[in-house]
């Protein structure tokens, strides 16, 4: 996961997440953003990453600190007909509008949108601040 994040490899990260989530039995899946969000936090913590979620602007889904870089992550899940691309755009817009990156102005900051839908499609999008 570190390599995919540091290289900002959206396709590689998407495939890694697809593999991991595919290994979870169907009867444990919950059609909610919090399901995917919680699993990602557990993966990050198990990998030894420092995970933060609060700033003076509000609660961020996840902030990962990796080798001097900061990744601010927003998850989106939709049960309806929104496309993965629309969800990714909404996530990046939210991250920019909330200005969560201001807390980390002295470091290398990357915004990361991760989206899921009811068909278990996954999308990832990196954007530099």
N, C-alpha and C. Protein backbone atom coordinates (compact mmCIF):
# COMPACT_ATOMS: atom_id res chain seq x y z
N UNK A 1 0.82 -1.19 0.00
CA UNK A 1 0.00 0.00 0.00
C UNK A 1 0.87 1.26 0.00
N UNK A 2 1.98 1.23 0.76
CA UNK A 2 2.87 2.39 0.80
C UNK A 2 3.35 2.79 -0.59
N UNK A 3 3.78 1.80 -1.35
CA UNK A 3 4.30 2.07 -2.68
C UNK A 3 3.24 2.71 -3.57
N UNK A 4 2.02 2.20 -3.51
CA UNK A 4 0.92 2.74 -4.33
C UNK A 4 0.62 4.18 -3.92
N UNK A 5 0.65 4.47 -2.62
CA UNK A 5 0.39 5.82 -2.15
C UNK A 5 1.51 6.78 -2.55
N UNK A 6 2.74 6.40 -2.25
CA UNK A 6 3.87 7.29 -2.52
C UNK A 6 4.01 7.57 -4.02
N UNK A 7 3.75 6.56 -4.84
CA UNK A 7 3.82 6.75 -6.30
C UNK A 7 2.56 7.38 -6.87
N UNK A 8 1.56 7.59 -6.01
CA UNK A 8 0.26 8.15 -6.43
C UNK A 8 -0.31 7.33 -7.58
N UNK A 9 -0.27 6.04 -7.40
CA UNK A 9 -0.72 5.07 -8.39
C UNK A 9 -2.20 4.73 -8.13
N UNK A 10 -3.10 5.50 -8.71
CA UNK A 10 -4.54 5.31 -8.48
C UNK A 10 -5.02 3.95 -8.95
N UNK A 11 -4.55 3.51 -10.11
CA UNK A 11 -4.97 2.21 -10.64
C UNK A 11 -4.46 1.09 -9.75
N UNK A 12 -3.21 1.16 -9.34
CA UNK A 12 -2.65 0.14 -8.47
C UNK A 12 -3.33 0.09 -7.11
N UNK A 13 -3.62 1.26 -6.54
CA UNK A 13 -4.31 1.30 -5.26
C UNK A 13 -5.72 0.74 -5.38
N UNK A 14 -6.40 1.09 -6.46
CA UNK A 14 -7.75 0.57 -6.70
C UNK A 14 -7.74 -0.95 -6.77
N UNK A 15 -6.79 -1.50 -7.48
CA UNK A 15 -6.70 -2.96 -7.61
C UNK A 15 -6.34 -3.62 -6.29
N UNK A 16 -5.46 -3.00 -5.52
CA UNK A 16 -5.11 -3.53 -4.20
C UNK A 16 -6.34 -3.55 -3.29
N UNK A 17 -7.08 -2.44 -3.27
CA UNK A 17 -8.30 -2.38 -2.45
C UNK A 17 -9.33 -3.39 -2.92
N UNK A 18 -9.46 -3.55 -4.23
CA UNK A 18 -10.41 -4.53 -4.78
C UNK A 18 -10.06 -5.94 -4.29
N UNK A 19 -8.77 -6.27 -4.30
CA UNK A 19 -8.31 -7.58 -3.83
C UNK A 19 -8.64 -7.78 -2.36
N UNK A 20 -8.34 -6.78 -1.57
CA UNK A 20 -8.56 -6.88 -0.13
C UNK A 20 -10.05 -7.01 0.18
N UNK A 21 -10.85 -6.11 -0.39
CA UNK A 21 -12.29 -6.14 -0.11
C UNK A 21 -12.95 -7.38 -0.68
N UNK A 22 -12.42 -7.92 -1.77
CA UNK A 22 -12.98 -9.14 -2.36
C UNK A 22 -12.79 -10.35 -1.45
N UNK A 23 -11.82 -10.26 -0.56
CA UNK A 23 -11.56 -11.36 0.36
C UNK A 23 -12.46 -11.38 1.58
N UNK A 24 -13.35 -10.42 1.68
CA UNK A 24 -14.27 -10.36 2.81
C UNK A 24 -15.57 -11.06 2.41
N UNK A 25 -16.03 -12.03 3.20
CA UNK A 25 -17.24 -12.76 2.84
C UNK A 25 -18.44 -11.83 2.58
N UNK A 26 -19.25 -12.20 1.60
CA UNK A 26 -20.37 -11.37 1.18
C UNK A 26 -21.32 -11.02 2.31
N UNK A 27 -21.51 -11.94 3.26
CA UNK A 27 -22.47 -11.68 4.33
C UNK A 27 -21.94 -10.74 5.41
N UNK A 28 -20.68 -10.35 5.30
CA UNK A 28 -20.12 -9.35 6.21
C UNK A 28 -20.11 -7.95 5.61
N UNK A 29 -20.29 -7.86 4.30
CA UNK A 29 -20.33 -6.55 3.63
C UNK A 29 -21.56 -5.77 4.08
N UNK A 30 -21.37 -4.50 4.33
CA UNK A 30 -22.46 -3.60 4.70
C UNK A 30 -22.49 -2.49 3.67
N UNK A 31 -23.65 -2.19 3.08
CA UNK A 31 -23.71 -1.16 2.05
C UNK A 31 -23.68 0.26 2.63
N UNK A 32 -22.53 0.58 3.27
CA UNK A 32 -22.37 1.90 3.89
C UNK A 32 -20.93 2.35 3.77
N UNK A 33 -20.75 3.65 3.71
CA UNK A 33 -19.40 4.21 3.63
C UNK A 33 -18.56 3.80 4.84
N UNK A 34 -19.16 3.75 6.00
CA UNK A 34 -18.42 3.44 7.22
C UNK A 34 -17.78 2.06 7.19
N UNK A 35 -18.36 1.11 6.47
CA UNK A 35 -17.78 -0.22 6.34
C UNK A 35 -16.41 -0.14 5.68
N UNK A 36 -16.35 0.52 4.52
CA UNK A 36 -15.09 0.65 3.78
C UNK A 36 -14.10 1.53 4.53
N UNK A 37 -14.59 2.58 5.12
CA UNK A 37 -13.78 3.52 5.87
C UNK A 37 -13.08 2.81 7.03
N UNK A 38 -13.85 2.06 7.81
CA UNK A 38 -13.29 1.36 8.98
C UNK A 38 -12.24 0.32 8.57
N UNK A 39 -12.51 -0.41 7.50
CA UNK A 39 -11.54 -1.41 7.04
C UNK A 39 -10.24 -0.75 6.60
N UNK A 40 -10.34 0.39 5.92
CA UNK A 40 -9.15 1.09 5.48
C UNK A 40 -8.34 1.58 6.68
N UNK A 41 -9.01 2.10 7.69
CA UNK A 41 -8.31 2.54 8.90
C UNK A 41 -7.58 1.37 9.54
N UNK A 42 -8.23 0.23 9.62
CA UNK A 42 -7.58 -0.95 10.21
C UNK A 42 -6.36 -1.38 9.39
N UNK A 43 -6.47 -1.34 8.07
CA UNK A 43 -5.32 -1.69 7.22
C UNK A 43 -4.17 -0.72 7.47
N UNK A 44 -4.50 0.56 7.55
CA UNK A 44 -3.47 1.58 7.74
C UNK A 44 -2.79 1.42 9.10
N UNK A 45 -3.57 1.23 10.13
CA UNK A 45 -3.00 1.07 11.47
C UNK A 45 -2.18 -0.22 11.57
N UNK A 46 -2.68 -1.29 10.97
CA UNK A 46 -1.95 -2.55 10.98
C UNK A 46 -0.63 -2.43 10.22
N UNK A 47 -0.57 -1.51 9.26
CA UNK A 47 0.66 -1.28 8.49
C UNK A 47 1.59 -0.32 9.21
N UNK A 48 1.17 0.19 10.36
CA UNK A 48 2.03 1.06 11.15
C UNK A 48 1.93 2.54 10.83
N UNK A 49 0.94 2.95 10.04
CA UNK A 49 0.79 4.36 9.69
C UNK A 49 0.18 5.13 10.84
N UNK A 50 0.59 6.39 10.96
CA UNK A 50 -0.06 7.30 11.90
C UNK A 50 -1.34 7.79 11.24
N UNK A 51 -2.44 7.66 11.95
CA UNK A 51 -3.74 8.04 11.39
C UNK A 51 -4.34 9.15 12.25
N UNK A 52 -4.73 10.25 11.61
CA UNK A 52 -5.41 11.36 12.29
C UNK A 52 -6.76 11.58 11.64
N UNK A 53 -7.63 12.28 12.36
CA UNK A 53 -8.93 12.57 11.74
C UNK A 53 -9.51 13.94 12.06
N UNK A 54 -8.90 14.73 12.94
CA UNK A 54 -9.52 16.00 13.32
C UNK A 54 -8.63 17.21 13.03
N UNK A 55 -9.27 18.31 12.64
CA UNK A 55 -8.60 19.60 12.51
C UNK A 55 -9.55 20.65 13.07
N UNK A 56 -9.13 21.91 13.00
CA UNK A 56 -10.04 22.98 13.43
C UNK A 56 -11.18 23.19 12.43
N UNK A 57 -11.09 22.55 11.28
CA UNK A 57 -12.12 22.68 10.23
C UNK A 57 -13.16 21.55 10.32
N UNK A 58 -12.87 20.52 11.09
CA UNK A 58 -13.81 19.41 11.20
C UNK A 58 -13.11 18.06 11.18
N UNK A 59 -13.91 17.03 10.93
CA UNK A 59 -13.40 15.66 10.94
C UNK A 59 -13.06 15.21 9.53
N UNK A 60 -11.81 14.86 9.34
CA UNK A 60 -11.35 14.32 8.07
C UNK A 60 -11.57 12.81 8.13
N UNK A 61 -11.88 12.19 7.00
CA UNK A 61 -12.04 10.73 7.03
C UNK A 61 -10.75 10.08 7.51
N UNK A 62 -9.64 10.36 6.83
CA UNK A 62 -8.34 9.79 7.25
C UNK A 62 -7.21 10.71 6.81
N UNK A 63 -6.20 10.83 7.66
CA UNK A 63 -4.95 11.47 7.29
C UNK A 63 -3.85 10.45 7.58
N UNK A 64 -3.09 10.11 6.54
CA UNK A 64 -1.96 9.19 6.70
C UNK A 64 -0.66 9.96 6.56
N UNK A 65 0.27 9.68 7.44
CA UNK A 65 1.60 10.28 7.36
C UNK A 65 2.56 9.16 6.97
N UNK A 66 3.18 9.34 5.80
CA UNK A 66 4.09 8.32 5.28
C UNK A 66 5.36 8.99 4.78
N UNK A 67 6.47 8.66 5.41
CA UNK A 67 7.78 9.12 4.95
C UNK A 67 7.82 10.61 4.61
N UNK A 68 7.33 11.45 5.51
CA UNK A 68 7.38 12.90 5.29
C UNK A 68 6.27 13.45 4.42
N UNK A 69 5.41 12.60 3.92
CA UNK A 69 4.28 13.04 3.11
C UNK A 69 2.98 12.84 3.88
N UNK A 70 2.00 13.65 3.57
CA UNK A 70 0.69 13.56 4.20
C UNK A 70 -0.34 13.29 3.11
N UNK A 71 -1.20 12.31 3.35
CA UNK A 71 -2.30 11.99 2.45
C UNK A 71 -3.60 12.24 3.19
N UNK A 72 -4.39 13.16 2.66
CA UNK A 72 -5.69 13.47 3.25
C UNK A 72 -6.72 12.75 2.40
N UNK A 73 -7.47 11.85 3.04
CA UNK A 73 -8.33 10.93 2.31
C UNK A 73 -9.79 11.16 2.64
N UNK A 74 -10.60 11.19 1.60
CA UNK A 74 -12.06 11.30 1.73
C UNK A 74 -12.69 10.09 1.05
N UNK A 75 -13.57 9.41 1.76
CA UNK A 75 -14.31 8.27 1.23
C UNK A 75 -15.70 8.72 0.79
N UNK A 76 -16.17 8.13 -0.28
CA UNK A 76 -17.56 8.33 -0.72
C UNK A 76 -18.14 6.97 -1.08
N UNK A 77 -19.38 6.76 -0.66
CA UNK A 77 -20.12 5.55 -1.01
C UNK A 77 -21.51 5.98 -1.47
N UNK A 78 -22.01 5.33 -2.50
CA UNK A 78 -23.33 5.67 -3.00
C UNK A 78 -24.09 4.43 -3.40
N UNK A 79 -25.32 4.32 -2.89
CA UNK A 79 -26.19 3.19 -3.22
C UNK A 79 -26.99 3.45 -4.49
N UNK A 80 -27.00 4.70 -4.93
CA UNK A 80 -27.83 5.07 -6.07
C UNK A 80 -27.05 4.96 -7.38
N UNK A 81 -27.35 5.83 -8.30
CA UNK A 81 -26.79 5.70 -9.64
C UNK A 81 -25.65 6.66 -9.94
N UNK A 82 -25.07 7.28 -8.93
CA UNK A 82 -23.95 8.17 -9.19
C UNK A 82 -22.76 7.35 -9.68
N UNK A 83 -22.05 7.89 -10.64
CA UNK A 83 -20.88 7.19 -11.16
C UNK A 83 -19.72 7.33 -10.19
N UNK A 84 -18.77 6.42 -10.32
CA UNK A 84 -17.55 6.49 -9.51
C UNK A 84 -16.85 7.83 -9.76
N UNK A 85 -16.82 8.28 -11.00
CA UNK A 85 -16.16 9.54 -11.35
C UNK A 85 -16.82 10.72 -10.63
N UNK A 86 -18.16 10.72 -10.55
CA UNK A 86 -18.88 11.78 -9.84
C UNK A 86 -18.54 11.77 -8.36
N UNK A 87 -18.50 10.58 -7.77
CA UNK A 87 -18.16 10.46 -6.36
C UNK A 87 -16.74 10.94 -6.08
N UNK A 88 -15.81 10.60 -6.96
CA UNK A 88 -14.43 11.05 -6.79
C UNK A 88 -14.33 12.57 -6.86
N UNK A 89 -15.05 13.16 -7.81
CA UNK A 89 -15.06 14.62 -7.95
C UNK A 89 -15.64 15.28 -6.70
N UNK A 90 -16.74 14.72 -6.17
CA UNK A 90 -17.34 15.26 -4.95
C UNK A 90 -16.37 15.19 -3.77
N UNK A 91 -15.64 14.10 -3.68
CA UNK A 91 -14.69 13.93 -2.57
C UNK A 91 -13.56 14.95 -2.65
N UNK A 92 -12.98 15.12 -3.82
CA UNK A 92 -11.89 16.10 -3.99
C UNK A 92 -12.40 17.51 -3.72
N UNK A 93 -13.59 17.83 -4.22
CA UNK A 93 -14.18 19.15 -3.98
C UNK A 93 -14.37 19.39 -2.50
N UNK A 94 -14.87 18.39 -1.79
CA UNK A 94 -15.07 18.52 -0.34
C UNK A 94 -13.75 18.77 0.37
N UNK A 95 -12.71 18.00 0.01
CA UNK A 95 -11.40 18.19 0.64
C UNK A 95 -10.87 19.60 0.40
N UNK A 96 -11.02 20.09 -0.81
CA UNK A 96 -10.54 21.44 -1.13
C UNK A 96 -11.37 22.51 -0.43
N UNK A 97 -12.70 22.36 -0.45
CA UNK A 97 -13.59 23.35 0.16
C UNK A 97 -13.39 23.45 1.67
N UNK A 98 -13.14 22.33 2.32
CA UNK A 98 -12.95 22.32 3.78
C UNK A 98 -11.55 22.76 4.19
N UNK A 99 -10.64 22.82 3.22
CA UNK A 99 -9.26 23.27 3.46
C UNK A 99 -8.55 22.48 4.56
N UNK A 100 -8.79 21.20 4.58
CA UNK A 100 -8.15 20.33 5.57
C UNK A 100 -6.63 20.36 5.45
N UNK A 101 -6.13 20.65 4.27
CA UNK A 101 -4.69 20.64 4.03
C UNK A 101 -3.95 21.77 4.76
N UNK A 102 -4.65 22.81 5.20
CA UNK A 102 -3.98 23.95 5.83
C UNK A 102 -3.16 23.55 7.05
N UNK A 103 -3.62 22.58 7.80
CA UNK A 103 -2.91 22.11 8.99
C UNK A 103 -1.53 21.56 8.63
N UNK A 104 -1.37 21.10 7.42
CA UNK A 104 -0.16 20.42 6.99
C UNK A 104 0.62 21.24 5.95
N UNK A 105 0.47 22.54 5.98
CA UNK A 105 1.05 23.42 4.96
C UNK A 105 2.56 23.28 4.80
N UNK A 106 3.26 22.88 5.84
CA UNK A 106 4.72 22.79 5.74
C UNK A 106 5.20 21.43 5.26
N UNK A 107 4.29 20.56 4.82
CA UNK A 107 4.69 19.23 4.33
C UNK A 107 4.15 19.00 2.93
N UNK A 108 4.57 17.91 2.35
CA UNK A 108 4.08 17.49 1.04
C UNK A 108 2.69 16.88 1.24
N UNK A 109 1.66 17.55 0.73
CA UNK A 109 0.28 17.10 0.95
C UNK A 109 -0.34 16.63 -0.36
N UNK A 110 -1.00 15.49 -0.29
CA UNK A 110 -1.73 14.94 -1.43
C UNK A 110 -3.15 14.63 -0.97
N UNK A 111 -4.12 15.04 -1.77
CA UNK A 111 -5.51 14.70 -1.52
C UNK A 111 -5.79 13.37 -2.22
N UNK A 112 -6.56 12.52 -1.56
CA UNK A 112 -6.91 11.23 -2.14
C UNK A 112 -8.39 10.97 -1.94
N UNK A 113 -9.09 10.78 -3.04
CA UNK A 113 -10.50 10.40 -3.01
C UNK A 113 -10.60 8.91 -3.28
N UNK A 114 -11.41 8.22 -2.47
CA UNK A 114 -11.67 6.80 -2.68
C UNK A 114 -13.18 6.62 -2.69
N UNK A 115 -13.70 6.05 -3.77
CA UNK A 115 -15.15 5.91 -3.91
C UNK A 115 -15.55 4.47 -4.14
N UNK A 116 -16.72 4.14 -3.63
CA UNK A 116 -17.32 2.80 -3.75
C UNK A 116 -18.78 2.98 -4.13
N UNK A 117 -19.33 1.98 -4.83
CA UNK A 117 -20.77 2.01 -5.08
C UNK A 117 -21.39 0.66 -4.77
N UNK A 118 -22.69 0.59 -4.93
CA UNK A 118 -23.43 -0.64 -4.56
C UNK A 118 -23.00 -1.85 -5.36
N UNK A 119 -22.42 -1.64 -6.54
CA UNK A 119 -21.95 -2.75 -7.37
C UNK A 119 -20.53 -3.16 -7.01
N UNK A 120 -20.02 -2.62 -5.91
CA UNK A 120 -18.68 -2.90 -5.38
C UNK A 120 -17.58 -2.44 -6.33
N UNK A 121 -17.89 -1.43 -7.16
CA UNK A 121 -16.86 -0.79 -7.96
C UNK A 121 -16.06 0.12 -7.03
N UNK A 122 -14.80 0.31 -7.36
CA UNK A 122 -13.91 1.15 -6.56
C UNK A 122 -13.22 2.14 -7.49
N UNK A 123 -13.04 3.35 -7.00
CA UNK A 123 -12.29 4.35 -7.75
C UNK A 123 -11.36 5.10 -6.80
N UNK A 124 -10.21 5.51 -7.31
CA UNK A 124 -9.23 6.27 -6.54
C UNK A 124 -8.74 7.43 -7.39
N UNK A 125 -8.54 8.58 -6.74
CA UNK A 125 -8.02 9.73 -7.46
C UNK A 125 -7.10 10.53 -6.53
N UNK A 126 -5.88 10.77 -6.99
CA UNK A 126 -4.92 11.58 -6.26
C UNK A 126 -4.91 12.98 -6.85
N UNK A 127 -4.70 13.97 -5.99
CA UNK A 127 -4.56 15.34 -6.47
C UNK A 127 -3.62 16.08 -5.53
N UNK A 128 -2.65 16.77 -6.09
CA UNK A 128 -1.72 17.53 -5.27
C UNK A 128 -2.37 18.84 -4.83
N UNK A 129 -1.91 19.33 -3.69
CA UNK A 129 -2.42 20.61 -3.17
C UNK A 129 -1.59 21.72 -3.73
